[in-house]
N, C-alpha and C. Protein backbone atom coordinates (compact mmCIF):
# COMPACT_ATOMS: atom_id res chain seq x y z
N UNK A 1 96.45 107.24 151.20
CA UNK A 1 95.13 107.00 151.74
C UNK A 1 94.11 107.31 150.64
N UNK A 2 93.20 106.41 150.44
CA UNK A 2 92.18 106.61 149.40
C UNK A 2 91.07 107.53 149.92
N UNK A 3 90.27 108.03 148.97
CA UNK A 3 89.15 108.90 149.35
C UNK A 3 88.20 108.17 150.28
N UNK A 4 87.90 106.91 149.97
CA UNK A 4 86.93 106.19 150.79
C UNK A 4 87.41 106.03 152.22
N UNK A 5 88.69 105.73 152.40
CA UNK A 5 89.23 105.60 153.75
C UNK A 5 89.20 106.94 154.48
N UNK A 6 89.61 108.00 153.79
CA UNK A 6 89.61 109.33 154.41
C UNK A 6 88.19 109.74 154.78
N UNK A 7 87.23 109.47 153.90
CA UNK A 7 85.84 109.84 154.18
C UNK A 7 85.30 109.06 155.37
N UNK A 8 85.61 107.78 155.44
CA UNK A 8 85.13 106.97 156.57
C UNK A 8 85.76 107.41 157.89
N UNK A 9 87.05 107.68 157.88
CA UNK A 9 87.73 108.12 159.11
C UNK A 9 87.18 109.48 159.56
N UNK A 10 87.13 110.43 158.63
CA UNK A 10 86.63 111.77 158.97
C UNK A 10 85.16 111.72 159.38
N UNK A 11 84.36 110.94 158.67
CA UNK A 11 82.94 110.82 158.98
C UNK A 11 82.70 110.25 160.37
N UNK A 12 83.43 109.20 160.70
CA UNK A 12 83.27 108.63 162.04
C UNK A 12 83.76 109.58 163.12
N UNK A 13 84.85 110.29 162.83
CA UNK A 13 85.35 111.26 163.82
C UNK A 13 84.34 112.37 164.07
N UNK A 14 83.58 112.74 163.06
CA UNK A 14 82.57 113.79 163.24
C UNK A 14 81.27 113.25 163.85
N UNK A 15 80.81 112.10 163.40
CA UNK A 15 79.48 111.62 163.77
C UNK A 15 79.44 110.90 165.12
N UNK A 16 80.41 110.07 165.40
CA UNK A 16 80.34 109.22 166.59
C UNK A 16 80.24 110.01 167.90
N UNK A 17 81.03 111.07 168.10
CA UNK A 17 80.91 111.78 169.39
C UNK A 17 79.52 112.37 169.65
N UNK A 18 78.75 112.61 168.60
CA UNK A 18 77.44 113.23 168.78
C UNK A 18 76.27 112.27 168.57
N UNK A 19 76.57 111.01 168.28
CA UNK A 19 75.48 110.06 168.07
C UNK A 19 75.57 108.86 169.00
N UNK A 20 76.76 108.32 169.19
CA UNK A 20 76.91 107.12 170.02
C UNK A 20 77.35 107.43 171.44
N UNK A 21 78.01 108.54 171.64
CA UNK A 21 78.49 108.95 172.95
C UNK A 21 77.37 109.75 173.63
N UNK A 22 76.84 109.25 174.71
CA UNK A 22 75.62 109.81 175.31
C UNK A 22 75.71 111.31 175.61
N UNK A 23 76.76 111.82 176.27
CA UNK A 23 76.78 113.28 176.52
C UNK A 23 76.76 114.10 175.22
N UNK A 24 77.43 113.61 174.17
CA UNK A 24 77.39 114.31 172.90
C UNK A 24 76.00 114.29 172.28
N UNK A 25 75.34 113.13 172.37
CA UNK A 25 73.99 113.03 171.82
C UNK A 25 73.03 113.95 172.57
N UNK A 26 73.20 114.07 173.87
CA UNK A 26 72.32 114.94 174.65
C UNK A 26 72.53 116.41 174.28
N UNK A 27 73.76 116.78 173.89
CA UNK A 27 73.99 118.14 173.41
C UNK A 27 73.17 118.40 172.14
N UNK A 28 73.10 117.41 171.29
CA UNK A 28 72.36 117.56 170.03
C UNK A 28 70.86 117.52 170.30
N UNK A 29 70.41 116.53 171.05
CA UNK A 29 68.98 116.29 171.17
C UNK A 29 68.30 117.20 172.19
N UNK A 30 68.83 117.28 173.39
CA UNK A 30 68.16 118.07 174.44
C UNK A 30 68.46 119.56 174.35
N UNK A 31 69.71 119.90 174.15
CA UNK A 31 70.09 121.31 174.13
C UNK A 31 69.91 121.95 172.76
N UNK A 32 69.72 121.12 171.73
CA UNK A 32 69.47 121.59 170.36
C UNK A 32 70.60 122.47 169.84
N UNK A 33 71.84 122.10 170.14
CA UNK A 33 72.98 122.86 169.67
C UNK A 33 73.19 122.59 168.18
N UNK A 34 73.24 123.64 167.36
CA UNK A 34 73.30 123.43 165.91
C UNK A 34 74.63 122.90 165.39
N UNK A 35 75.75 123.29 165.96
CA UNK A 35 77.05 122.83 165.43
C UNK A 35 77.27 121.33 165.63
N UNK A 36 76.97 120.76 166.80
CA UNK A 36 77.09 119.30 166.91
C UNK A 36 76.12 118.56 165.99
N UNK A 37 74.92 119.10 165.80
CA UNK A 37 73.98 118.47 164.87
C UNK A 37 74.54 118.48 163.45
N UNK A 38 75.09 119.63 163.04
CA UNK A 38 75.67 119.73 161.70
C UNK A 38 76.87 118.78 161.56
N UNK A 39 77.68 118.67 162.59
CA UNK A 39 78.83 117.76 162.55
C UNK A 39 78.37 116.31 162.38
N UNK A 40 77.33 115.92 163.11
CA UNK A 40 76.82 114.56 163.00
C UNK A 40 76.26 114.30 161.60
N UNK A 41 75.57 115.27 161.04
CA UNK A 41 74.99 115.10 159.70
C UNK A 41 76.08 115.06 158.63
N UNK A 42 77.05 115.94 158.72
CA UNK A 42 78.16 115.93 157.76
C UNK A 42 78.94 114.61 157.88
N UNK A 43 79.11 114.16 159.11
CA UNK A 43 79.77 112.88 159.32
C UNK A 43 79.02 111.73 158.65
N UNK A 44 77.70 111.74 158.77
CA UNK A 44 76.90 110.70 158.13
C UNK A 44 77.02 110.76 156.61
N UNK A 45 77.07 111.95 156.05
CA UNK A 45 77.25 112.10 154.60
C UNK A 45 78.61 111.54 154.18
N UNK A 46 79.65 111.86 154.94
CA UNK A 46 80.98 111.35 154.61
C UNK A 46 81.05 109.83 154.72
N UNK A 47 80.42 109.28 155.75
CA UNK A 47 80.41 107.82 155.92
C UNK A 47 79.68 107.17 154.75
N UNK A 48 78.54 107.70 154.39
CA UNK A 48 77.79 107.15 153.26
C UNK A 48 78.60 107.25 151.97
N UNK A 49 79.27 108.38 151.77
CA UNK A 49 80.09 108.54 150.57
C UNK A 49 81.27 107.56 150.57
N UNK A 50 81.86 107.36 151.72
CA UNK A 50 82.97 106.40 151.82
C UNK A 50 82.54 105.00 151.48
N UNK A 51 81.40 104.57 152.01
CA UNK A 51 80.91 103.23 151.70
C UNK A 51 80.47 103.11 150.24
N UNK A 52 79.86 104.16 149.71
CA UNK A 52 79.44 104.12 148.30
C UNK A 52 80.66 104.03 147.38
N UNK A 53 81.72 104.74 147.72
CA UNK A 53 82.95 104.70 146.93
C UNK A 53 83.58 103.31 146.96
N UNK A 54 83.45 102.64 148.07
CA UNK A 54 83.98 101.28 148.18
C UNK A 54 83.07 100.24 147.53
N UNK A 55 81.89 100.66 147.13
CA UNK A 55 80.97 99.73 146.48
C UNK A 55 80.06 98.99 147.43
N UNK A 56 80.04 99.35 148.69
CA UNK A 56 79.17 98.71 149.67
C UNK A 56 77.85 99.48 149.73
N UNK A 57 76.95 99.11 148.85
CA UNK A 57 75.68 99.82 148.71
C UNK A 57 74.82 99.69 149.95
N UNK A 58 74.81 98.54 150.58
CA UNK A 58 73.97 98.32 151.76
C UNK A 58 74.39 99.26 152.89
N UNK A 59 75.68 99.37 153.14
CA UNK A 59 76.16 100.27 154.19
C UNK A 59 75.89 101.72 153.84
N UNK A 60 76.06 102.08 152.56
CA UNK A 60 75.81 103.46 152.13
C UNK A 60 74.33 103.81 152.31
N UNK A 61 73.45 102.93 151.88
CA UNK A 61 72.01 103.18 152.01
C UNK A 61 71.60 103.23 153.48
N UNK A 62 72.18 102.37 154.30
CA UNK A 62 71.89 102.39 155.73
C UNK A 62 72.27 103.71 156.37
N UNK A 63 73.42 104.25 155.99
CA UNK A 63 73.84 105.53 156.55
C UNK A 63 73.02 106.69 156.02
N UNK A 64 72.60 106.63 154.77
CA UNK A 64 71.71 107.66 154.23
C UNK A 64 70.36 107.59 154.94
N UNK A 65 69.88 106.38 155.21
CA UNK A 65 68.61 106.23 155.94
C UNK A 65 68.73 106.83 157.34
N UNK A 66 69.87 106.59 158.00
CA UNK A 66 70.08 107.19 159.31
C UNK A 66 70.10 108.72 159.20
N UNK A 67 70.79 109.23 158.19
CA UNK A 67 70.89 110.67 157.98
C UNK A 67 69.50 111.29 157.83
N UNK A 68 68.68 110.71 156.97
CA UNK A 68 67.34 111.25 156.73
C UNK A 68 66.44 111.04 157.96
N UNK A 69 66.51 109.86 158.55
CA UNK A 69 65.66 109.57 159.71
C UNK A 69 65.99 110.45 160.90
N UNK A 70 67.27 110.63 161.19
CA UNK A 70 67.67 111.48 162.31
C UNK A 70 67.30 112.93 162.03
N UNK A 71 67.47 113.37 160.79
CA UNK A 71 67.08 114.74 160.44
C UNK A 71 65.59 114.98 160.60
N UNK A 72 64.80 114.00 160.18
CA UNK A 72 63.34 114.12 160.31
C UNK A 72 62.92 114.10 161.78
N UNK A 73 63.52 113.22 162.57
CA UNK A 73 63.19 113.16 164.00
C UNK A 73 63.62 114.43 164.72
N UNK A 74 64.78 114.97 164.35
CA UNK A 74 65.28 116.21 164.95
C UNK A 74 64.33 117.36 164.63
N UNK A 75 63.88 117.45 163.38
CA UNK A 75 62.96 118.52 162.98
C UNK A 75 61.61 118.36 163.66
N UNK A 76 61.10 117.13 163.74
CA UNK A 76 59.80 116.90 164.39
C UNK A 76 59.87 117.25 165.88
N UNK A 77 60.95 116.90 166.53
CA UNK A 77 61.10 117.22 167.95
C UNK A 77 61.21 118.72 168.15
N UNK A 78 61.90 119.39 167.24
CA UNK A 78 62.01 120.85 167.34
C UNK A 78 60.66 121.54 167.19
N UNK A 79 59.85 121.03 166.28
CA UNK A 79 58.50 121.60 166.11
C UNK A 79 57.64 121.36 167.34
N UNK A 80 57.79 120.17 167.92
CA UNK A 80 57.01 119.82 169.11
C UNK A 80 57.39 120.73 170.29
N UNK A 81 58.68 121.01 170.42
CA UNK A 81 59.13 121.87 171.53
C UNK A 81 58.74 123.32 171.31
N UNK A 82 58.71 123.74 170.05
CA UNK A 82 58.41 125.15 169.75
C UNK A 82 56.92 125.48 169.86
N UNK A 83 56.11 124.47 169.65
CA UNK A 83 54.73 124.81 169.55
C UNK A 83 53.82 124.14 170.46
């Protein structure tokens, strides 16, 4: 198994349950649980690395954009709830 395949498999296994599966996403977004958030972010990094290693720049940039956008939205929502 190549690095890119391993990164894509591991990344999807980490990210999908907390981003595409509604109960998992609600754990991250509503309950603000840090471990599922970290798993989703690490998963996105692995997915982006897997696509970059395969030479698919568009997919890698798209996943990095999701990583940054979700992180920014998560931080903004946390500030809104705290203050």
